[in-house]
């Protein structure tokens, strides 16, 4: 119960920080594009906190499956966690969970 509360507090704090950053970014953009022809402006993504969070979430899922495998004494789950970890590391820009879903489907 306490871990859920802590998780909720962390998520809320992260969300609030993201909203603050978005508000600042919006303000900076408004200040910088005043009087500029918007047809000449282009946006591209330099880095992504989302991909970092996705990596963290992916690793949490891998850890969860691995720990479940150890608790249940299931070598199949431990092997699945190993395959999931390699799929997440090698996924690059593609959806890391596509391979994981496929592996789970194959096991079922």
N, C-alpha and C. Protein backbone atom coordinates (compact mmCIF):
# COMPACT_ATOMS: atom_id res chain seq x y z
N UNK A 1 0.83 -1.18 0.00
CA UNK A 1 0.00 0.00 0.00
C UNK A 1 0.89 1.25 0.00
N UNK A 2 1.94 1.22 0.79
CA UNK A 2 2.86 2.36 0.85
C UNK A 2 3.60 2.54 -0.47
N UNK A 3 3.94 1.43 -1.11
CA UNK A 3 4.66 1.55 -2.38
C UNK A 3 3.76 2.18 -3.45
N UNK A 4 2.48 1.87 -3.41
CA UNK A 4 1.55 2.49 -4.36
C UNK A 4 1.45 3.98 -4.10
N UNK A 5 1.41 4.37 -2.84
CA UNK A 5 1.33 5.78 -2.49
C UNK A 5 2.60 6.51 -2.94
N UNK A 6 3.75 5.89 -2.72
CA UNK A 6 5.00 6.50 -3.14
C UNK A 6 5.07 6.59 -4.66
N UNK A 7 4.61 5.54 -5.33
CA UNK A 7 4.59 5.54 -6.79
C UNK A 7 3.70 6.66 -7.31
N UNK A 8 2.53 6.80 -6.70
CA UNK A 8 1.60 7.85 -7.11
C UNK A 8 2.22 9.23 -6.90
N UNK A 9 2.86 9.43 -5.74
CA UNK A 9 3.50 10.72 -5.46
C UNK A 9 4.60 11.02 -6.48
N UNK A 10 5.37 10.02 -6.82
CA UNK A 10 6.44 10.20 -7.80
C UNK A 10 5.87 10.56 -9.16
N UNK A 11 4.84 9.83 -9.58
CA UNK A 11 4.22 10.10 -10.87
C UNK A 11 3.63 11.50 -10.90
N UNK A 12 2.98 11.89 -9.82
CA UNK A 12 2.37 13.22 -9.74
C UNK A 12 3.45 14.30 -9.81
N UNK A 13 4.54 14.10 -9.09
CA UNK A 13 5.64 15.05 -9.10
C UNK A 13 6.24 15.16 -10.50
N UNK A 14 6.46 14.01 -11.16
CA UNK A 14 7.01 14.01 -12.51
C UNK A 14 6.08 14.73 -13.48
N UNK A 15 4.78 14.47 -13.35
CA UNK A 15 3.80 15.10 -14.23
C UNK A 15 3.80 16.61 -14.03
N UNK A 16 3.86 17.05 -12.77
CA UNK A 16 3.89 18.49 -12.48
C UNK A 16 5.14 19.14 -13.06
N UNK A 17 6.27 18.46 -12.95
CA UNK A 17 7.51 18.98 -13.52
C UNK A 17 7.41 19.09 -15.03
N UNK A 18 6.81 18.08 -15.67
CA UNK A 18 6.63 18.11 -17.12
C UNK A 18 5.74 19.27 -17.53
N UNK A 19 4.66 19.50 -16.78
CA UNK A 19 3.77 20.61 -17.10
C UNK A 19 4.47 21.96 -16.96
N UNK A 20 5.31 22.09 -15.94
CA UNK A 20 6.08 23.32 -15.77
C UNK A 20 7.03 23.54 -16.94
N UNK A 21 7.71 22.48 -17.36
CA UNK A 21 8.64 22.59 -18.48
C UNK A 21 7.89 22.94 -19.75
N UNK A 22 6.74 22.32 -19.96
CA UNK A 22 5.94 22.62 -21.15
C UNK A 22 5.47 24.08 -21.15
N UNK A 23 5.08 24.58 -19.99
CA UNK A 23 4.65 25.98 -19.91
C UNK A 23 5.81 26.92 -20.23
N UNK A 24 7.00 26.61 -19.72
CA UNK A 24 8.17 27.43 -20.02
C UNK A 24 8.51 27.36 -21.50
N UNK A 25 8.44 26.14 -22.08
CA UNK A 25 8.74 25.98 -23.50
C UNK A 25 7.74 26.77 -24.35
N UNK A 26 6.49 26.73 -23.98
CA UNK A 26 5.46 27.47 -24.70
C UNK A 26 5.75 28.97 -24.65
N UNK A 27 6.14 29.46 -23.48
CA UNK A 27 6.47 30.87 -23.32
C UNK A 27 7.67 31.25 -24.18
N UNK A 28 8.70 30.42 -24.17
CA UNK A 28 9.91 30.70 -24.96
C UNK A 28 9.57 30.71 -26.45
N UNK A 29 8.76 29.76 -26.88
CA UNK A 29 8.39 29.70 -28.29
C UNK A 29 7.60 30.95 -28.68
N UNK A 30 6.65 31.34 -27.83
CA UNK A 30 5.87 32.55 -28.13
C UNK A 30 6.78 33.77 -28.25
N UNK A 31 7.75 33.88 -27.34
CA UNK A 31 8.66 35.02 -27.37
C UNK A 31 9.53 35.01 -28.61
N UNK A 32 9.95 33.81 -29.05
CA UNK A 32 10.87 33.72 -30.17
C UNK A 32 10.20 33.78 -31.53
N UNK A 33 8.92 33.53 -31.63
CA UNK A 33 8.27 33.52 -32.93
C UNK A 33 7.41 34.75 -33.18
N UNK A 34 7.44 35.70 -32.28
CA UNK A 34 6.70 36.94 -32.51
C UNK A 34 7.26 37.63 -33.74
N UNK A 35 6.39 37.89 -34.71
CA UNK A 35 6.79 38.58 -35.93
C UNK A 35 7.53 37.71 -36.92
N UNK A 36 7.65 36.42 -36.69
CA UNK A 36 8.36 35.51 -37.59
C UNK A 36 7.33 34.81 -38.47
N UNK A 37 7.68 34.63 -39.73
CA UNK A 37 6.82 33.88 -40.64
C UNK A 37 6.85 32.41 -40.24
N UNK A 38 5.72 31.89 -39.80
CA UNK A 38 5.68 30.51 -39.29
C UNK A 38 5.97 29.46 -40.36
N UNK A 39 5.87 29.82 -41.62
CA UNK A 39 6.19 28.88 -42.70
C UNK A 39 7.69 28.59 -42.72
N UNK A 40 8.49 29.50 -42.16
CA UNK A 40 9.94 29.32 -42.16
C UNK A 40 10.44 28.58 -40.92
N UNK A 41 9.56 28.34 -39.98
CA UNK A 41 9.95 27.70 -38.72
C UNK A 41 9.74 26.20 -38.83
N UNK A 42 10.70 25.43 -38.35
CA UNK A 42 10.53 23.98 -38.30
C UNK A 42 10.98 23.48 -36.93
N UNK A 43 10.37 22.41 -36.50
CA UNK A 43 10.71 21.82 -35.21
C UNK A 43 11.21 20.40 -35.44
N UNK A 44 12.26 20.03 -34.77
CA UNK A 44 12.68 18.65 -34.77
C UNK A 44 13.12 18.30 -33.36
N UNK A 45 12.98 17.05 -33.04
CA UNK A 45 13.25 16.59 -31.69
C UNK A 45 14.71 16.26 -31.53
N UNK A 46 15.36 16.92 -30.58
CA UNK A 46 16.78 16.70 -30.34
C UNK A 46 16.98 15.51 -29.41
N UNK A 47 16.20 15.45 -28.36
CA UNK A 47 16.27 14.32 -27.45
C UNK A 47 14.89 14.07 -26.88
N UNK A 48 14.76 12.94 -26.22
CA UNK A 48 13.44 12.58 -25.74
C UNK A 48 13.50 12.01 -24.35
N UNK A 49 12.82 12.68 -23.42
CA UNK A 49 12.70 12.11 -22.08
C UNK A 49 11.76 10.90 -22.12
N UNK A 50 10.84 10.91 -23.10
CA UNK A 50 9.90 9.81 -23.22
C UNK A 50 10.64 8.51 -23.50
N UNK A 51 11.64 8.56 -24.39
CA UNK A 51 12.38 7.34 -24.69
C UNK A 51 13.16 6.87 -23.47
N UNK A 52 13.66 7.80 -22.69
CA UNK A 52 14.37 7.42 -21.46
C UNK A 52 13.40 6.76 -20.50
N UNK A 53 12.21 7.36 -20.35
CA UNK A 53 11.21 6.77 -19.47
C UNK A 53 10.76 5.42 -19.98
N UNK A 54 10.67 5.28 -21.32
CA UNK A 54 10.27 4.01 -21.89
C UNK A 54 11.32 2.95 -21.57
N UNK A 55 12.60 3.33 -21.66
CA UNK A 55 13.67 2.40 -21.31
C UNK A 55 13.57 1.98 -19.85
N UNK A 56 13.31 2.93 -18.99
CA UNK A 56 13.18 2.63 -17.56
C UNK A 56 11.98 1.71 -17.34
N UNK A 57 10.86 2.02 -17.99
CA UNK A 57 9.67 1.18 -17.85
C UNK A 57 9.93 -0.22 -18.40
N UNK A 58 10.62 -0.29 -19.52
CA UNK A 58 10.95 -1.59 -20.11
C UNK A 58 11.80 -2.42 -19.16
N UNK A 59 12.79 -1.78 -18.56
CA UNK A 59 13.67 -2.50 -17.64
C UNK A 59 12.92 -2.94 -16.38
N UNK A 60 11.95 -2.13 -15.95
CA UNK A 60 11.13 -2.53 -14.80
C UNK A 60 10.33 -3.78 -15.13
N UNK A 61 9.79 -3.83 -16.35
CA UNK A 61 9.02 -5.00 -16.76
C UNK A 61 9.92 -6.23 -16.82
N UNK A 62 11.11 -6.06 -17.37
CA UNK A 62 12.06 -7.17 -17.45
C UNK A 62 12.40 -7.66 -16.04
N UNK A 63 12.67 -6.73 -15.15
CA UNK A 63 13.00 -7.08 -13.76
C UNK A 63 11.84 -7.81 -13.09
N UNK A 64 10.62 -7.34 -13.35
CA UNK A 64 9.44 -7.96 -12.76
C UNK A 64 9.29 -9.41 -13.23
N UNK A 65 9.46 -9.64 -14.54
CA UNK A 65 9.34 -11.00 -15.08
C UNK A 65 10.46 -11.88 -14.54
N UNK A 66 11.67 -11.33 -14.47
CA UNK A 66 12.80 -12.10 -13.95
C UNK A 66 12.57 -12.50 -12.49
N UNK A 67 12.15 -11.54 -11.67
CA UNK A 67 11.90 -11.83 -10.26
C UNK A 67 10.77 -12.82 -10.09
N UNK A 68 9.75 -12.70 -10.92
CA UNK A 68 8.64 -13.66 -10.87
C UNK A 68 9.15 -15.06 -11.22
N UNK A 69 10.05 -15.13 -12.19
CA UNK A 69 10.62 -16.42 -12.57
C UNK A 69 11.41 -17.04 -11.42
N UNK A 70 12.18 -16.20 -10.71
CA UNK A 70 12.92 -16.71 -9.56
C UNK A 70 11.99 -17.15 -8.44
N UNK A 71 10.95 -16.35 -8.18
CA UNK A 71 10.02 -16.70 -7.11
C UNK A 71 9.26 -17.99 -7.41
N UNK A 72 8.85 -18.14 -8.67
CA UNK A 72 8.09 -19.32 -9.08
C UNK A 72 9.00 -20.50 -9.45
N UNK A 73 10.31 -20.25 -9.40
CA UNK A 73 11.30 -21.27 -9.80
C UNK A 73 11.03 -21.77 -11.21
N UNK A 74 10.75 -20.79 -12.10
CA UNK A 74 10.42 -21.09 -13.49
C UNK A 74 11.57 -20.64 -14.39
N UNK A 75 12.27 -21.60 -14.94
CA UNK A 75 13.38 -21.25 -15.83
C UNK A 75 12.85 -20.62 -17.12
N UNK A 76 11.63 -20.97 -17.52
CA UNK A 76 11.05 -20.38 -18.73
C UNK A 76 10.85 -18.87 -18.56
N UNK A 77 10.38 -18.45 -17.38
CA UNK A 77 10.19 -17.02 -17.14
C UNK A 77 11.53 -16.29 -17.07
N UNK A 78 12.52 -16.93 -16.47
CA UNK A 78 13.85 -16.31 -16.39
C UNK A 78 14.42 -16.16 -17.80
N UNK A 79 14.27 -17.19 -18.63
CA UNK A 79 14.76 -17.11 -20.00
C UNK A 79 13.99 -16.05 -20.79
N UNK A 80 12.68 -15.95 -20.54
CA UNK A 80 11.89 -14.91 -21.19
C UNK A 80 12.40 -13.53 -20.80
N UNK A 81 12.72 -13.34 -19.52
CA UNK A 81 13.26 -12.05 -19.06
C UNK A 81 14.58 -11.73 -19.76
N UNK A 82 15.41 -12.73 -19.94
CA UNK A 82 16.69 -12.53 -20.63
C UNK A 82 16.45 -12.12 -22.07
N UNK A 83 15.52 -12.80 -22.75
CA UNK A 83 15.19 -12.46 -24.13
C UNK A 83 14.55 -11.08 -24.21
N UNK A 84 13.72 -10.76 -23.24
CA UNK A 84 13.09 -9.43 -23.20
C UNK A 84 14.15 -8.35 -23.06
N UNK A 85 15.12 -8.58 -22.17
CA UNK A 85 16.18 -7.61 -21.94
C UNK A 85 16.99 -7.37 -23.22
N UNK A 86 17.30 -8.45 -23.93
CA UNK A 86 18.06 -8.27 -25.18
C UNK A 86 17.21 -7.60 -26.24
N UNK A 87 15.90 -7.88 -26.26
CA UNK A 87 15.01 -7.23 -27.22
C UNK A 87 14.89 -5.74 -26.93
N UNK A 88 14.82 -5.38 -25.65
CA UNK A 88 14.71 -3.98 -25.27
C UNK A 88 15.99 -3.24 -25.61
N UNK A 89 17.13 -3.85 -25.34
CA UNK A 89 18.41 -3.20 -25.64
C UNK A 89 18.61 -3.03 -27.13
N UNK A 90 18.19 -4.01 -27.92
CA UNK A 90 18.43 -3.97 -29.36
C UNK A 90 17.30 -3.36 -30.15
N UNK A 91 16.28 -2.85 -29.48
CA UNK A 91 15.10 -2.37 -30.20
C UNK A 91 15.36 -1.07 -30.95
N UNK A 92 16.23 -0.22 -30.44
CA UNK A 92 16.49 1.04 -31.11
C UNK A 92 15.26 1.91 -31.13
N UNK A 93 14.85 2.32 -32.32
CA UNK A 93 13.70 3.22 -32.43
C UNK A 93 12.39 2.47 -32.58
N UNK A 94 12.43 1.16 -32.77
CA UNK A 94 11.19 0.40 -32.93
C UNK A 94 10.55 0.14 -31.57
N UNK A 95 9.35 -0.38 -31.60
CA UNK A 95 8.61 -0.66 -30.38
C UNK A 95 9.25 -1.85 -29.66
N UNK A 96 9.83 -1.63 -28.48
CA UNK A 96 10.51 -2.73 -27.79
C UNK A 96 9.54 -3.79 -27.30
N UNK A 97 8.29 -3.43 -27.11
CA UNK A 97 7.34 -4.40 -26.59
C UNK A 97 6.75 -5.29 -27.68
N UNK A 98 6.95 -4.97 -28.94
CA UNK A 98 6.43 -5.80 -30.01
C UNK A 98 7.06 -7.20 -29.94
N UNK A 99 8.38 -7.24 -29.78
CA UNK A 99 9.06 -8.53 -29.67
C UNK A 99 8.66 -9.25 -28.38
N UNK A 100 8.53 -8.49 -27.30
CA UNK A 100 8.18 -9.07 -26.01
C UNK A 100 6.79 -9.70 -26.10
N UNK A 101 5.84 -8.98 -26.69
CA UNK A 101 4.50 -9.53 -26.85
C UNK A 101 4.53 -10.82 -27.66
N UNK A 102 5.34 -10.81 -28.71
CA UNK A 102 5.48 -12.01 -29.55
C UNK A 102 6.06 -13.19 -28.77
N UNK A 103 7.07 -12.91 -27.96
CA UNK A 103 7.68 -13.99 -27.16
C UNK A 103 6.69 -14.55 -26.15
N UNK A 104 5.91 -13.66 -25.52
CA UNK A 104 4.92 -14.12 -24.55
C UNK A 104 3.84 -14.95 -25.26
N UNK A 105 3.42 -14.49 -26.42
CA UNK A 105 2.41 -15.24 -27.19
C UNK A 105 2.93 -16.62 -27.57
N UNK A 106 4.21 -16.67 -27.96
CA UNK A 106 4.80 -17.96 -28.32
C UNK A 106 4.84 -18.92 -27.13
N UNK A 107 5.10 -18.38 -25.94
CA UNK A 107 5.16 -19.23 -24.75
C UNK A 107 3.78 -19.75 -24.37
N UNK A 108 2.75 -18.94 -24.61
CA UNK A 108 1.39 -19.35 -24.24
C UNK A 108 0.93 -20.32 -25.28
